Amino acid sequence: MSQEALKNYKEDFLLLLEAGFIAVNAADEDSAVKLFKAAEVLKPESTFPKVGFGYMHLCKLELKQAIAAFKEVLAREPDNEMAKTFMSICMTMIPNEVSAGEKSLEELSKSDDSNIKKLATMALDFAEKFIKKAPSPLQPQQPKQKTK
């Protein structure tokens, strides 16, 4: 498709992104990939589609791939709080990176963006209640001993 033809669809960029996130939440990976790639074609300079791909990996618990996507975004936009928050959430699920993830989420919970603040606070609460609570990767459950 020519650049001239693409101009007709530039206004659909945000719709494609939003539909991509909806597809991720509906566990429709095929559609999500196609929607994020279409958004990339319309605005190759935007980091939002890459955040979408990272989010897709996060939802599938493919944490290394998700972190790689978020790091790519942060290399281009160091102040991208959405990418920082999602990456920090990933880090809280990796045993040797929990503390760093929590520290980052604590900083993000002071964001001026109410949505980032809310997400970071919820992620901290989740980490405290479920990730750090035994049995977890941080504190493996002790095998029960049989009593006679």
C-alpha atoms as a PDB file:
ATOM      1  CA  MET A   1       0.000   0.000   0.000  1.00  0.00           C
ATOM      2  CA  SER A   2       1.375   3.415  -0.904  1.00  0.00           C
ATOM      3  CA  GLN A   3       2.021   6.208   1.597  1.00  0.00           C
ATOM      4  CA  GLU A   4      -0.747   8.186  -0.071  1.00  0.00           C
ATOM      5  CA  ALA A   5      -3.241   5.390   0.543  1.00  0.00           C
ATOM      6  CA  LEU A   6      -2.073   5.041   4.159  1.00  0.00           C
ATOM      7  CA  LYS A   7      -2.892   8.693   4.842  1.00  0.00           C
ATOM      8  CA  ASN A   8      -6.581   7.777   4.585  1.00  0.00           C
ATOM      9  CA  TYR A   9      -6.177   5.477   7.597  1.00  0.00           C
ATOM     10  CA  LYS A  10      -3.929   7.616   9.872  1.00  0.00           C
ATOM     11  CA  GLU A  11      -6.912   8.578  12.015  1.00  0.00           C
ATOM     12  CA  ASP A  12      -7.544   4.876  12.722  1.00  0.00           C
ATOM     13  CA  PHE A  13      -4.247   4.488  14.587  1.00  0.00           C
ATOM     14  CA  LEU A  14      -5.772   4.795  18.072  1.00  0.00           C
ATOM     15  CA  LEU A  15      -8.686   2.550  17.140  1.00  0.00           C
ATOM     16  CA  LEU A  16      -6.276  -0.167  15.987  1.00  0.00           C
ATOM     17  CA  LEU A  17      -4.282   0.154  19.211  1.00  0.00           C
ATOM     18  CA  GLU A  18      -7.349  -0.003  21.411  1.00  0.00           C
ATOM     19  CA  ALA A  19      -8.682  -2.981  19.484  1.00  0.00           C
ATOM     20  CA  GLY A  20      -5.286  -4.655  19.921  1.00  0.00           C
ATOM     21  CA  PHE A  21      -5.447  -4.254  23.704  1.00  0.00           C
ATOM     22  CA  ILE A  22      -9.025  -5.555  23.691  1.00  0.00           C
ATOM     23  CA  ALA A  23      -7.890  -8.568  21.646  1.00  0.00           C
ATOM     24  CA  VAL A  24      -5.115  -9.251  24.176  1.00  0.00           C
ATOM     25  CA  ASN A  25      -7.641  -9.127  27.008  1.00  0.00           C
ATOM     26  CA  ALA A  26      -9.869 -11.517  25.053  1.00  0.00           C
ATOM     27  CA  ALA A  27      -6.881 -13.884  24.619  1.00  0.00           C
ATOM     28  CA  ASP A  28      -7.045 -13.451  20.850  1.00  0.00           C
ATOM     29  CA  GLU A  29      -3.319 -13.270  20.159  1.00  0.00           C
ATOM     30  CA  ASP A  30      -3.642 -13.579  16.388  1.00  0.00           C
ATOM     31  CA  SER A  31      -5.915 -10.535  16.158  1.00  0.00           C
ATOM     32  CA  ALA A  32      -3.824  -8.575  18.664  1.00  0.00           C
ATOM     33  CA  VAL A  33      -0.652  -9.134  16.640  1.00  0.00           C
ATOM     34  CA  LYS A  34      -2.363  -8.089  13.402  1.00  0.00           C
ATOM     35  CA  LEU A  35      -3.862  -4.969  15.007  1.00  0.00           C
ATOM     36  CA  PHE A  36      -0.585  -3.861  16.622  1.00  0.00           C
ATOM     37  CA  LYS A  37       1.295  -4.461  13.349  1.00  0.00           C
ATOM     38  CA  ALA A  38      -1.292  -2.439  11.447  1.00  0.00           C
ATOM     39  CA  ALA A  39      -0.860   0.386  13.962  1.00  0.00           C
ATOM     40  CA  GLU A  40       2.926   0.178  13.453  1.00  0.00           C
ATOM     41  CA  VAL A  41       2.459   0.538   9.696  1.00  0.00           C
ATOM     42  CA  LEU A  42       0.342   3.667  10.178  1.00  0.00           C
ATOM     43  CA  LYS A  43       2.724   5.300  12.678  1.00  0.00           C
ATOM     44  CA  PRO A  44       6.132   3.608  12.681  1.00  0.00           C
ATOM     45  CA  GLU A  45       7.519   6.353  14.932  1.00  0.00           C
ATOM     46  CA  SER A  46       5.068   5.546  17.753  1.00  0.00           C
ATOM     47  CA  THR A  47       6.082   3.313  20.656  1.00  0.00           C
ATOM     48  CA  PHE A  48       2.476   2.439  21.553  1.00  0.00           C
ATOM     49  CA  PRO A  49       2.316  -0.692  19.382  1.00  0.00           C
ATOM     50  CA  LYS A  50       5.519  -1.961  21.063  1.00  0.00           C
ATOM     51  CA  VAL A  51       3.893  -1.356  24.469  1.00  0.00           C
ATOM     52  CA  GLY A  52       0.966  -3.415  23.163  1.00  0.00           C
ATOM     53  CA  PHE A  53       3.257  -6.282  22.185  1.00  0.00           C
ATOM     54  CA  GLY A  54       4.916  -6.107  25.602  1.00  0.00           C
ATOM     55  CA  TYR A  55       1.513  -6.152  27.280  1.00  0.00           C
ATOM     56  CA  MET A  56       0.557  -9.206  25.234  1.00  0.00           C
ATOM     57  CA  HIS A  57       3.696 -11.005  26.429  1.00  0.00           C
ATOM     58  CA  LEU A  58       3.026  -9.915  30.024  1.00  0.00           C
ATOM     59  CA  CYS A  59      -0.497 -11.357  29.864  1.00  0.00           C
ATOM     60  CA  LYS A  60       0.955 -14.647  28.611  1.00  0.00           C
ATOM     61  CA  LEU A  61       3.573 -14.496  31.421  1.00  0.00           C
ATOM     62  CA  GLU A  62       6.343 -14.409  28.826  1.00  0.00           C
ATOM     63  CA  LEU A  63       8.213 -12.067  31.112  1.00  0.00           C
ATOM     64  CA  LYS A  64      11.564 -11.930  29.312  1.00  0.00           C
ATOM     65  CA  GLN A  65       9.914 -11.039  25.997  1.00  0.00           C
ATOM     66  CA  ALA A  66       7.699  -8.477  27.725  1.00  0.00           C
ATOM     67  CA  ILE A  67      10.657  -6.836  29.472  1.00  0.00           C
ATOM     68  CA  ALA A  68      12.584  -6.740  26.192  1.00  0.00           C
ATOM     69  CA  ALA A  69       9.675  -4.915  24.512  1.00  0.00           C
ATOM     70  CA  PHE A  70       9.355  -2.422  27.368  1.00  0.00           C
ATOM     71  CA  LYS A  71      13.119  -1.806  27.419  1.00  0.00           C
ATOM     72  CA  GLU A  72      12.968  -1.057  23.693  1.00  0.00           C
ATOM     73  CA  VAL A  73      10.259   1.530  24.341  1.00  0.00           C
ATOM     74  CA  LEU A  74      12.181   3.045  27.265  1.00  0.00           C
ATOM     75  CA  ALA A  75      15.339   3.309  25.149  1.00  0.00           C
ATOM     76  CA  ARG A  76      13.391   5.645  22.851  1.00  0.00           C
ATOM     77  CA  GLU A  77      11.186   7.265  25.512  1.00  0.00           C
ATOM     78  CA  PRO A  78      12.839   7.086  28.957  1.00  0.00           C
ATOM     79  CA  ASP A  79       9.856   8.822  30.605  1.00  0.00           C
ATOM     80  CA  ASN A  80       7.179   6.453  29.258  1.00  0.00           C
ATOM     81  CA  GLU A  81       5.402   5.618  32.520  1.00  0.00           C
ATOM     82  CA  MET A  82       3.157   2.987  30.944  1.00  0.00           C
ATOM     83  CA  ALA A  83       6.173   0.971  29.765  1.00  0.00           C
ATOM     84  CA  LYS A  84       7.920   1.498  33.134  1.00  0.00           C
ATOM     85  CA  THR A  85       4.865   0.292  35.043  1.00  0.00           C
ATOM     86  CA  PHE A  86       4.327  -2.804  32.925  1.00  0.00           C
ATOM     87  CA  MET A  87       8.043  -3.630  33.083  1.00  0.00           C
ATOM     88  CA  SER A  88       8.017  -3.215  36.865  1.00  0.00           C
ATOM     89  CA  ILE A  89       5.040  -5.569  37.098  1.00  0.00           C
ATOM     90  CA  CYS A  90       7.035  -8.136  35.112  1.00  0.00           C
ATOM     91  CA  MET A  91       9.981  -7.687  37.443  1.00  0.00           C
ATOM     92  CA  THR A  92       7.860  -8.397  40.530  1.00  0.00           C
ATOM     93  CA  MET A  93       7.158 -11.844  39.084  1.00  0.00           C
ATOM     94  CA  ILE A  94      10.832 -12.741  38.628  1.00  0.00           C
ATOM     95  CA  PRO A  95      12.307 -14.035  41.923  1.00  0.00           C
ATOM     96  CA  ASN A  96      15.623 -12.162  41.820  1.00  0.00           C
ATOM     97  CA  GLU A  97      14.032  -8.909  40.563  1.00  0.00           C
ATOM     98  CA  VAL A  98      11.071  -8.549  42.955  1.00  0.00           C
ATOM     99  CA  SER A  99      12.694  -5.831  45.063  1.00  0.00           C
ATOM    100  CA  ALA A 100      13.707  -3.747  42.046  1.00  0.00           C
ATOM    101  CA  GLY A 101      10.208  -4.097  40.592  1.00  0.00           C
ATOM    102  CA  GLU A 102       8.600  -3.041  43.865  1.00  0.00           C
ATOM    103  CA  LYS A 103      10.937  -0.066  44.202  1.00  0.00           C
ATOM    104  CA  SER A 104      10.027   1.096  40.700  1.00  0.00           C
ATOM    105  CA  LEU A 105       6.304   0.596  41.376  1.00  0.00           C
ATOM    106  CA  GLU A 106       6.593   2.630  44.588  1.00  0.00           C
ATOM    107  CA  GLU A 107       8.071   5.511  42.577  1.00  0.00           C
ATOM    108  CA  LEU A 108       5.378   5.152  39.918  1.00  0.00           C
ATOM    109  CA  SER A 109       2.645   5.158  42.573  1.00  0.00           C
ATOM    110  CA  LYS A 110       3.505   8.838  43.042  1.00  0.00           C
ATOM    111  CA  SER A 111       2.893   9.637  39.357  1.00  0.00           C
ATOM    112  CA  ASP A 112       0.855  12.640  38.306  1.00  0.00           C
ATOM    113  CA  ASP A 113      -1.085  10.309  35.984  1.00  0.00           C
ATOM    114  CA  SER A 114      -3.945   8.861  38.040  1.00  0.00           C
ATOM    115  CA  ASN A 115      -4.127   5.697  35.901  1.00  0.00           C
ATOM    116  CA  ILE A 116      -0.411   4.969  36.349  1.00  0.00           C
ATOM    117  CA  LYS A 117      -0.708   5.675  40.073  1.00  0.00           C
ATOM    118  CA  LYS A 118      -3.678   3.306  40.377  1.00  0.00           C
ATOM    119  CA  LEU A 119      -2.014   0.518  38.356  1.00  0.00           C
ATOM    120  CA  ALA A 120       1.259   0.790  40.296  1.00  0.00           C
ATOM    121  CA  THR A 121      -0.572   0.729  43.634  1.00  0.00           C
ATOM    122  CA  MET A 122      -2.639  -2.307  42.613  1.00  0.00           C
ATOM    123  CA  ALA A 123       0.490  -4.108  41.377  1.00  0.00           C
ATOM    124  CA  LEU A 124       2.280  -3.427  44.684  1.00  0.00           C
ATOM    125  CA  ASP A 125      -0.717  -4.786  46.573  1.00  0.00           C
ATOM    126  CA  PHE A 126      -0.800  -7.875  44.338  1.00  0.00           C
ATOM    127  CA  ALA A 127       2.925  -8.504  44.876  1.00  0.00           C
ATOM    128  CA  GLU A 128       2.518  -8.210  48.634  1.00  0.00           C
ATOM    129  CA  LYS A 129      -0.536 -10.476  48.827  1.00  0.00           C
ATOM    130  CA  PHE A 130       0.314 -13.125  46.266  1.00  0.00           C
ATOM    131  CA  ILE A 131       3.924 -13.043  45.086  1.00  0.00           C
ATOM    132  CA  LYS A 132       5.659 -12.673  48.417  1.00  0.00           C
ATOM    133  CA  LYS A 133       3.212 -14.933  50.275  1.00  0.00           C
ATOM    134  CA  ALA A 134       4.196 -18.604  50.673  1.00  0.00           C
ATOM    135  CA  PRO A 135       4.091 -20.690  48.644  1.00  0.00           C
ATOM    136  CA  SER A 136       5.642 -18.477  46.019  1.00  0.00           C
ATOM    137  CA  PRO A 137       8.805 -18.578  43.938  1.00  0.00           C
ATOM    138  CA  LEU A 138      10.391 -16.510  46.712  1.00  0.00           C
ATOM    139  CA  GLN A 139       9.315 -18.790  49.545  1.00  0.00           C
ATOM    140  CA  PRO A 140       8.772 -22.372  48.399  1.00  0.00           C
ATOM    141  CA  GLN A 141       6.280 -24.353  50.404  1.00  0.00           C
ATOM    142  CA  GLN A 142       7.834 -26.803  52.826  1.00  0.00           C
ATOM    143  CA  PRO A 143       6.818 -30.400  52.193  1.00  0.00           C
ATOM    144  CA  LYS A 144       4.407 -31.728  54.794  1.00  0.00           C
ATOM    145  CA  GLN A 145       5.817 -34.374  57.034  1.00  0.00           C
ATOM    146  CA  LYS A 146       3.758 -37.465  57.626  1.00  0.00           C
ATOM    147  CA  THR A 147       2.815 -38.141  61.184  1.00  0.00           C
ATOM    148  CA  LYS A 148       2.400 -41.654  62.490  1.00  0.00           C
END
